[in-house]
Amino acid sequence: MTMKALLDLPQDVNQTLNIVKAQHNLKNKVEAITLIVNTYKIEHMEPELRPEFVEKIQKTEHQKAIKFKSVDELRKRYQ
């Protein structure tokens, strides 16, 4: 899904987008913004907030739980 937005950018932000666009040989500022946001997401977002992590957790929510009597029993299962 894509979304259209009209943005009023400060001059320094606009210049930065132009630099990113040129450095990465991008076609337009939308590609530059996408690159910057994706880089931020990878480098700065906590794993539990990433959409891939949420999706993975949602898939496991309906699985039957495994109960362990002790930590040793858990370790034996996963070693």
PDB file of N, CA and C in Angstrom:
ATOM      1  N   MET A   1       0.830  -1.159   0.000  1.00  0.00           N
ATOM      2  CA  MET A   1       0.000   0.000   0.000  1.00  0.00           C
ATOM      3  C   MET A   1       0.887   1.239   0.000  1.00  0.00           C
ATOM      4  N   THR A   2       0.574   2.172  -0.813  1.00  0.00           N
ATOM      5  CA  THR A   2       1.315   3.426  -0.845  1.00  0.00           C
ATOM      6  C   THR A   2       0.384   4.554  -0.449  1.00  0.00           C
ATOM      7  N   MET A   3       1.014   5.648  -0.039  1.00  0.00           N
ATOM      8  CA  MET A   3       0.251   6.799   0.411  1.00  0.00           C
ATOM      9  C   MET A   3       0.877   8.053  -0.181  1.00  0.00           C
ATOM     10  N   LYS A   4       0.058   9.004  -0.546  1.00  0.00           N
ATOM     11  CA  LYS A   4       0.566  10.267  -1.075  1.00  0.00           C
ATOM     12  C   LYS A   4       0.501  11.313   0.028  1.00  0.00           C
ATOM     13  N   ALA A   5       1.535  12.167   0.060  1.00  0.00           N
ATOM     14  CA  ALA A   5       1.575  13.228   1.059  1.00  0.00           C
ATOM     15  C   ALA A   5       2.231  14.464   0.461  1.00  0.00           C
ATOM     16  N   LEU A   6       1.714  15.599   0.817  1.00  0.00           N
ATOM     17  CA  LEU A   6       2.300  16.868   0.416  1.00  0.00           C
ATOM     18  C   LEU A   6       3.033  17.395   1.640  1.00  0.00           C
ATOM     19  N   LEU A   7       4.343  17.596   1.527  1.00  0.00           N
ATOM     20  CA  LEU A   7       5.157  17.974   2.675  1.00  0.00           C
ATOM     21  C   LEU A   7       5.806  19.331   2.458  1.00  0.00           C
ATOM     22  N   ASP A   8       5.834  20.120   3.508  1.00  0.00           N
ATOM     23  CA  ASP A   8       6.611  21.360   3.513  1.00  0.00           C
ATOM     24  C   ASP A   8       7.898  21.046   4.259  1.00  0.00           C
ATOM     25  N   LEU A   9       8.997  20.948   3.521  1.00  0.00           N
ATOM     26  CA  LEU A   9      10.278  20.572   4.121  1.00  0.00           C
ATOM     27  C   LEU A   9      11.143  21.805   4.345  1.00  0.00           C
ATOM     28  N   PRO A  10      11.804  21.849   5.493  1.00  0.00           N
ATOM     29  CA  PRO A  10      12.784  22.927   5.684  1.00  0.00           C
ATOM     30  C   PRO A  10      13.880  22.796   4.624  1.00  0.00           C
ATOM     31  N   GLN A  11      14.511  23.894   4.306  1.00  0.00           N
ATOM     32  CA  GLN A  11      15.508  23.911   3.235  1.00  0.00           C
ATOM     33  C   GLN A  11      16.643  22.917   3.499  1.00  0.00           C
ATOM     34  N   ASP A  12      17.134  22.842   4.746  1.00  0.00           N
ATOM     35  CA  ASP A  12      18.247  21.930   5.031  1.00  0.00           C
ATOM     36  C   ASP A  12      17.842  20.465   4.875  1.00  0.00           C
ATOM     37  N   VAL A  13      16.594  20.147   5.202  1.00  0.00           N
ATOM     38  CA  VAL A  13      16.103  18.775   5.017  1.00  0.00           C
ATOM     39  C   VAL A  13      15.992  18.470   3.524  1.00  0.00           C
ATOM     40  N   ASN A  14      15.487  19.406   2.764  1.00  0.00           N
ATOM     41  CA  ASN A  14      15.386  19.243   1.316  1.00  0.00           C
ATOM     42  C   ASN A  14      16.764  19.024   0.691  1.00  0.00           C
ATOM     43  N   GLN A  15      17.758  19.804   1.139  1.00  0.00           N
ATOM     44  CA  GLN A  15      19.120  19.647   0.621  1.00  0.00           C
ATOM     45  C   GLN A  15      19.682  18.270   0.985  1.00  0.00           C
ATOM     46  N   THR A  16      19.405  17.834   2.209  1.00  0.00           N
ATOM     47  CA  THR A  16      19.870  16.507   2.634  1.00  0.00           C
ATOM     48  C   THR A  16      19.243  15.414   1.775  1.00  0.00           C
ATOM     49  N   LEU A  17      17.955  15.533   1.495  1.00  0.00           N
ATOM     50  CA  LEU A  17      17.292  14.556   0.625  1.00  0.00           C
ATOM     51  C   LEU A  17      17.927  14.541  -0.762  1.00  0.00           C
ATOM     52  N   ASN A  18      18.261  15.708  -1.285  1.00  0.00           N
ATOM     53  CA  ASN A  18      18.912  15.778  -2.592  1.00  0.00           C
ATOM     54  C   ASN A  18      20.287  15.105  -2.564  1.00  0.00           C
ATOM     55  N   ILE A  19      21.012  15.270  -1.465  1.00  0.00           N
ATOM     56  CA  ILE A  19      22.322  14.622  -1.333  1.00  0.00           C
ATOM     57  C   ILE A  19      22.171  13.107  -1.285  1.00  0.00           C
ATOM     58  N   VAL A  20      21.226  12.619  -0.460  1.00  0.00           N
ATOM     59  CA  VAL A  20      20.981  11.173  -0.364  1.00  0.00           C
ATOM     60  C   VAL A  20      20.567  10.630  -1.726  1.00  0.00           C
ATOM     61  N   LYS A  21      19.692  11.360  -2.399  1.00  0.00           N
ATOM     62  CA  LYS A  21      19.226  10.968  -3.743  1.00  0.00           C
ATOM     63  C   LYS A  21      20.403  10.827  -4.707  1.00  0.00           C
ATOM     64  N   ALA A  22      21.302  11.790  -4.683  1.00  0.00           N
ATOM     65  CA  ALA A  22      22.459  11.761  -5.586  1.00  0.00           C
ATOM     66  C   ALA A  22      23.450  10.666  -5.207  1.00  0.00           C
ATOM     67  N   GLN A  23      23.722  10.529  -3.920  1.00  0.00           N
ATOM     68  CA  GLN A  23      24.696   9.529  -3.465  1.00  0.00           C
ATOM     69  C   GLN A  23      24.269   8.108  -3.815  1.00  0.00           C
ATOM     70  N   HIS A  24      22.967   7.859  -3.765  1.00  0.00           N
ATOM     71  CA  HIS A  24      22.470   6.502  -3.994  1.00  0.00           C
ATOM     72  C   HIS A  24      21.839   6.334  -5.373  1.00  0.00           C
ATOM     73  N   ASN A  25      22.011   7.339  -6.227  1.00  0.00           N
ATOM     74  CA  ASN A  25      21.491   7.290  -7.591  1.00  0.00           C
ATOM     75  C   ASN A  25      19.994   6.955  -7.619  1.00  0.00           C
ATOM     76  N   LEU A  26      19.241   7.649  -6.779  1.00  0.00           N
ATOM     77  CA  LEU A  26      17.800   7.413  -6.695  1.00  0.00           C
ATOM     78  C   LEU A  26      17.068   8.309  -7.682  1.00  0.00           C
ATOM     79  N   LYS A  27      15.864   7.881  -8.058  1.00  0.00           N
ATOM     80  CA  LYS A  27      15.111   8.615  -9.069  1.00  0.00           C
ATOM     81  C   LYS A  27      14.437   9.868  -8.519  1.00  0.00           C
ATOM     82  N   ASN A  28      14.007   9.808  -7.248  1.00  0.00           N
ATOM     83  CA  ASN A  28      13.276  10.940  -6.691  1.00  0.00           C
ATOM     84  C   ASN A  28      13.417  10.987  -5.170  1.00  0.00           C
ATOM     85  N   LYS A  29      12.829  12.021  -4.579  1.00  0.00           N
ATOM     86  CA  LYS A  29      12.939  12.199  -3.129  1.00  0.00           C
ATOM     87  C   LYS A  29      12.143  11.153  -2.355  1.00  0.00           C
ATOM     88  N   VAL A  30      11.105  10.622  -2.960  1.00  0.00           N
ATOM     89  CA  VAL A  30      10.344   9.554  -2.302  1.00  0.00           C
ATOM     90  C   VAL A  30      11.264   8.367  -2.030  1.00  0.00           C
ATOM     91  N   GLU A  31      12.085   8.003  -2.999  1.00  0.00           N
ATOM     92  CA  GLU A  31      13.030   6.901  -2.806  1.00  0.00           C
ATOM     93  C   GLU A  31      14.052   7.253  -1.729  1.00  0.00           C
ATOM     94  N   ALA A  32      14.455   8.531  -1.659  1.00  0.00           N
ATOM     95  CA  ALA A  32      15.408   8.957  -0.631  1.00  0.00           C
ATOM     96  C   ALA A  32      14.778   8.867   0.760  1.00  0.00           C
ATOM     97  N   ILE A  33      13.550   9.323   0.882  1.00  0.00           N
ATOM     98  CA  ILE A  33      12.853   9.239   2.172  1.00  0.00           C
ATOM     99  C   ILE A  33      12.667   7.777   2.569  1.00  0.00           C
ATOM    100  N   THR A  34      12.289   6.931   1.628  1.00  0.00           N
ATOM    101  CA  THR A  34      12.102   5.507   1.910  1.00  0.00           C
ATOM    102  C   THR A  34      13.399   4.879   2.394  1.00  0.00           C
ATOM    103  N   LEU A  35      14.502   5.200   1.742  1.00  0.00           N
ATOM    104  CA  LEU A  35      15.803   4.682   2.148  1.00  0.00           C
ATOM    105  C   LEU A  35      16.145   5.114   3.571  1.00  0.00           C
ATOM    106  N   ILE A  36      15.949   6.387   3.863  1.00  0.00           N
ATOM    107  CA  ILE A  36      16.267   6.914   5.191  1.00  0.00           C
ATOM    108  C   ILE A  36      15.400   6.259   6.263  1.00  0.00           C
ATOM    109  N   VAL A  37      14.111   6.138   6.018  1.00  0.00           N
ATOM    110  CA  VAL A  37      13.203   5.532   6.997  1.00  0.00           C
ATOM    111  C   VAL A  37      13.530   4.057   7.208  1.00  0.00           C
ATOM    112  N   ASN A  38      13.792   3.327   6.136  1.00  0.00           N
ATOM    113  CA  ASN A  38      14.138   1.911   6.275  1.00  0.00           C
ATOM    114  C   ASN A  38      15.455   1.725   7.021  1.00  0.00           C
ATOM    115  N   THR A  39      16.413   2.592   6.766  1.00  0.00           N
ATOM    116  CA  THR A  39      17.690   2.529   7.487  1.00  0.00           C
ATOM    117  C   THR A  39      17.468   2.799   8.963  1.00  0.00           C
ATOM    118  N   TYR A  40      16.653   3.783   9.269  1.00  0.00           N
ATOM    119  CA  TYR A  40      16.347   4.090  10.671  1.00  0.00           C
ATOM    120  C   TYR A  40      15.680   2.895  11.337  1.00  0.00           C
ATOM    121  N   LYS A  41      14.734   2.304  10.636  1.00  0.00           N
ATOM    122  CA  LYS A  41      13.990   1.168  11.188  1.00  0.00           C
ATOM    123  C   LYS A  41      14.934   0.017  11.529  1.00  0.00           C
ATOM    124  N   ILE A  42      15.848  -0.276  10.645  1.00  0.00           N
ATOM    125  CA  ILE A  42      16.795  -1.375  10.861  1.00  0.00           C
ATOM    126  C   ILE A  42      17.751  -1.067  12.000  1.00  0.00           C
ATOM    127  N   GLU A  43      18.246   0.150  12.049  1.00  0.00           N
ATOM    128  CA  GLU A  43      19.291   0.494  13.014  1.00  0.00           C
ATOM    129  C   GLU A  43      18.786   0.926  14.378  1.00  0.00           C
ATOM    130  N   HIS A  44      17.565   1.440  14.464  1.00  0.00           N
ATOM    131  CA  HIS A  44      17.155   2.064  15.718  1.00  0.00           C
ATOM    132  C   HIS A  44      15.906   1.505  16.376  1.00  0.00           C
ATOM    133  N   MET A  45      15.062   0.836  15.647  1.00  0.00           N
ATOM    134  CA  MET A  45      13.843   0.334  16.269  1.00  0.00           C
ATOM    135  C   MET A  45      14.140  -0.921  17.067  1.00  0.00           C
ATOM    136  N   GLU A  46      13.495  -1.040  18.188  1.00  0.00           N
ATOM    137  CA  GLU A  46      13.631  -2.237  19.004  1.00  0.00           C
ATOM    138  C   GLU A  46      13.039  -3.412  18.227  1.00  0.00           C
ATOM    139  N   PRO A  47      13.670  -4.596  18.356  1.00  0.00           N
ATOM    140  CA  PRO A  47      13.164  -5.757  17.603  1.00  0.00           C
ATOM    141  C   PRO A  47      11.695  -6.043  17.864  1.00  0.00           C
ATOM    142  N   GLU A  48      11.240  -5.844  19.102  1.00  0.00           N
ATOM    143  CA  GLU A  48       9.844  -6.154  19.407  1.00  0.00           C
ATOM    144  C   GLU A  48       8.868  -5.187  18.750  1.00  0.00           C
ATOM    145  N   LEU A  49       9.357  -4.080  18.203  1.00  0.00           N
ATOM    146  CA  LEU A  49       8.486  -3.130  17.530  1.00  0.00           C
ATOM    147  C   LEU A  49       8.490  -3.303  16.012  1.00  0.00           C
ATOM    148  N   ARG A  50       9.403  -4.099  15.516  1.00  0.00           N
ATOM    149  CA  ARG A  50       9.481  -4.281  14.069  1.00  0.00           C
ATOM    150  C   ARG A  50       8.271  -5.071  13.571  1.00  0.00           C
ATOM    151  N   PRO A  51       7.703  -4.668  12.455  1.00  0.00           N
ATOM    152  CA  PRO A  51       6.526  -5.362  11.919  1.00  0.00           C
ATOM    153  C   PRO A  51       6.760  -6.851  11.696  1.00  0.00           C
ATOM    154  N   GLU A  52       7.987  -7.231  11.287  1.00  0.00           N
ATOM    155  CA  GLU A  52       8.273  -8.659  11.062  1.00  0.00           C
ATOM    156  C   GLU A  52       8.166  -9.435  12.371  1.00  0.00           C
ATOM    157  N   PHE A  53       8.627  -8.823  13.461  1.00  0.00           N
ATOM    158  CA  PHE A  53       8.581  -9.478  14.765  1.00  0.00           C
ATOM    159  C   PHE A  53       7.133  -9.638  15.226  1.00  0.00           C
ATOM    160  N   VAL A  54       6.338  -8.607  15.075  1.00  0.00           N
ATOM    161  CA  VAL A  54       4.921  -8.668  15.460  1.00  0.00           C
ATOM    162  C   VAL A  54       4.219  -9.759  14.668  1.00  0.00           C
ATOM    163  N   GLU A  55       4.495  -9.829  13.380  1.00  0.00           N
ATOM    164  CA  GLU A  55       3.889 -10.851  12.517  1.00  0.00           C
ATOM    165  C   GLU A  55       4.289 -12.253  12.982  1.00  0.00           C
ATOM    166  N   LYS A  56       5.567 -12.432  13.316  1.00  0.00           N
ATOM    167  CA  LYS A  56       6.059 -13.725  13.772  1.00  0.00           C
ATOM    168  C   LYS A  56       5.363 -14.140  15.069  1.00  0.00           C
ATOM    169  N   ILE A  57       5.226 -13.215  15.989  1.00  0.00           N
ATOM    170  CA  ILE A  57       4.571 -13.501  17.265  1.00  0.00           C
ATOM    171  C   ILE A  57       3.103 -13.836  17.052  1.00  0.00           C
ATOM    172  N   GLN A  58       2.440 -13.107  16.181  1.00  0.00           N
ATOM    173  CA  GLN A  58       1.028 -13.371  15.914  1.00  0.00           C
ATOM    174  C   GLN A  58       0.813 -14.765  15.350  1.00  0.00           C
ATOM    175  N   LYS A  59       1.765 -15.263  14.565  1.00  0.00           N
ATOM    176  CA  LYS A  59       1.656 -16.615  14.009  1.00  0.00           C
ATOM    177  C   LYS A  59       1.786 -17.686  15.092  1.00  0.00           C
ATOM    178  N   THR A  60       2.557 -17.391  16.138  1.00  0.00           N
ATOM    179  CA  THR A  60       2.787 -18.392  17.192  1.00  0.00           C
ATOM    180  C   THR A  60       1.761 -18.321  18.314  1.00  0.00           C
ATOM    181  N   GLU A  61       0.915 -17.300  18.322  1.00  0.00           N
ATOM    182  CA  GLU A  61      -0.063 -17.135  19.405  1.00  0.00           C
ATOM    183  C   GLU A  61      -1.026 -18.311  19.531  1.00  0.00           C
ATOM    184  N   HIS A  62      -1.321 -18.963  18.452  1.00  0.00           N
ATOM    185  CA  HIS A  62      -2.320 -20.027  18.465  1.00  0.00           C
ATOM    186  C   HIS A  62      -1.708 -21.412  18.652  1.00  0.00           C
ATOM    187  N   GLN A  63      -0.414 -21.482  18.835  1.00  0.00           N
ATOM    188  CA  GLN A  63       0.240 -22.769  19.055  1.00  0.00           C
ATOM    189  C   GLN A  63       0.036 -23.218  20.493  1.00  0.00           C
ATOM    190  N   LYS A  64       0.012 -24.519  20.684  1.00  0.00           N
ATOM    191  CA  LYS A  64      -0.150 -25.068  22.018  1.00  0.00           C
ATOM    192  C   LYS A  64       1.132 -24.810  22.828  1.00  0.00           C
ATOM    193  N   ALA A  65       0.937 -24.402  24.078  1.00  0.00           N
ATOM    194  CA  ALA A  65       2.077 -24.106  24.952  1.00  0.00           C
ATOM    195  C   ALA A  65       2.748 -25.397  25.423  1.00  0.00           C
ATOM    196  N   ILE A  66       4.045 -25.321  25.664  1.00  0.00           N
ATOM    197  CA  ILE A  66       4.800 -26.449  26.206  1.00  0.00           C
ATOM    198  C   ILE A  66       5.144 -26.099  27.646  1.00  0.00           C
ATOM    199  N   LYS A  67       4.723 -26.943  28.574  1.00  0.00           N
ATOM    200  CA  LYS A  67       4.986 -26.687  29.990  1.00  0.00           C
ATOM    201  C   LYS A  67       6.211 -27.472  30.432  1.00  0.00           C
ATOM    202  N   PHE A  68       7.024 -26.825  31.248  1.00  0.00           N
ATOM    203  CA  PHE A  68       8.231 -27.444  31.786  1.00  0.00           C
ATOM    204  C   PHE A  68       8.178 -27.408  33.307  1.00  0.00           C
ATOM    205  N   LYS A  69       8.653 -28.489  33.922  1.00  0.00           N
ATOM    206  CA  LYS A  69       8.669 -28.563  35.385  1.00  0.00           C
ATOM    207  C   LYS A  69       9.872 -27.833  35.958  1.00  0.00           C
ATOM    208  N   SER A  70      10.909 -27.677  35.140  1.00  0.00           N
ATOM    209  CA  SER A  70      12.111 -27.014  35.631  1.00  0.00           C
ATOM    210  C   SER A  70      12.886 -26.408  34.462  1.00  0.00           C
ATOM    211  N   VAL A  71      13.843 -25.557  34.800  1.00  0.00           N
ATOM    212  CA  VAL A  71      14.707 -24.949  33.795  1.00  0.00           C
ATOM    213  C   VAL A  71      15.580 -26.021  33.152  1.00  0.00           C
ATOM    214  N   ASP A  72      15.988 -27.001  33.931  1.00  0.00           N
ATOM    215  CA  ASP A  72      16.798 -28.095  33.388  1.00  0.00           C
ATOM    216  C   ASP A  72      16.041 -28.851  32.304  1.00  0.00           C
ATOM    217  N   GLU A  73      14.758 -29.068  32.522  1.00  0.00           N
ATOM    218  CA  GLU A  73      13.924 -29.763  31.528  1.00  0.00           C
ATOM    219  C   GLU A  73      13.854 -28.927  30.234  1.00  0.00           C
ATOM    220  N   LEU A  74      13.729 -27.641  30.384  1.00  0.00           N
ATOM    221  CA  LEU A  74      13.724 -26.732  29.233  1.00  0.00           C
ATOM    222  C   LEU A  74      15.046 -26.798  28.484  1.00  0.00           C
ATOM    223  N   ARG A  75      16.145 -26.754  29.227  1.00  0.00           N
ATOM    224  CA  ARG A  75      17.471 -26.820  28.608  1.00  0.00           C
ATOM    225  C   ARG A  75      17.661 -28.122  27.826  1.00  0.00           C
ATOM    226  N   LYS A  76      17.227 -29.232  28.402  1.00  0.00           N
ATOM    227  CA  LYS A  76      17.371 -30.540  27.732  1.00  0.00           C
ATOM    228  C   LYS A  76      16.634 -30.545  26.388  1.00  0.00           C
ATOM    229  N   ARG A  77      15.472 -29.927  26.369  1.00  0.00           N
ATOM    230  CA  ARG A  77      14.678 -29.911  25.130  1.00  0.00           C
ATOM    231  C   ARG A  77      15.361 -29.112  24.027  1.00  0.00           C
ATOM    232  N   TYR A  78      16.038 -28.012  24.376  1.00  0.00           N
ATOM    233  CA  TYR A  78      16.581 -27.114  23.368  1.00  0.00           C
ATOM    234  C   TYR A  78      18.089 -27.165  23.208  1.00  0.00           C
ATOM    235  N   GLN A  79      18.737 -28.173  23.782  1.00  0.00           N
ATOM    236  CA  GLN A  79      20.177 -28.317  23.575  1.00  0.00           C
ATOM    237  C   GLN A  79      20.460 -29.341  22.509  1.00  0.00           C
TER     238      GLN A  79
END
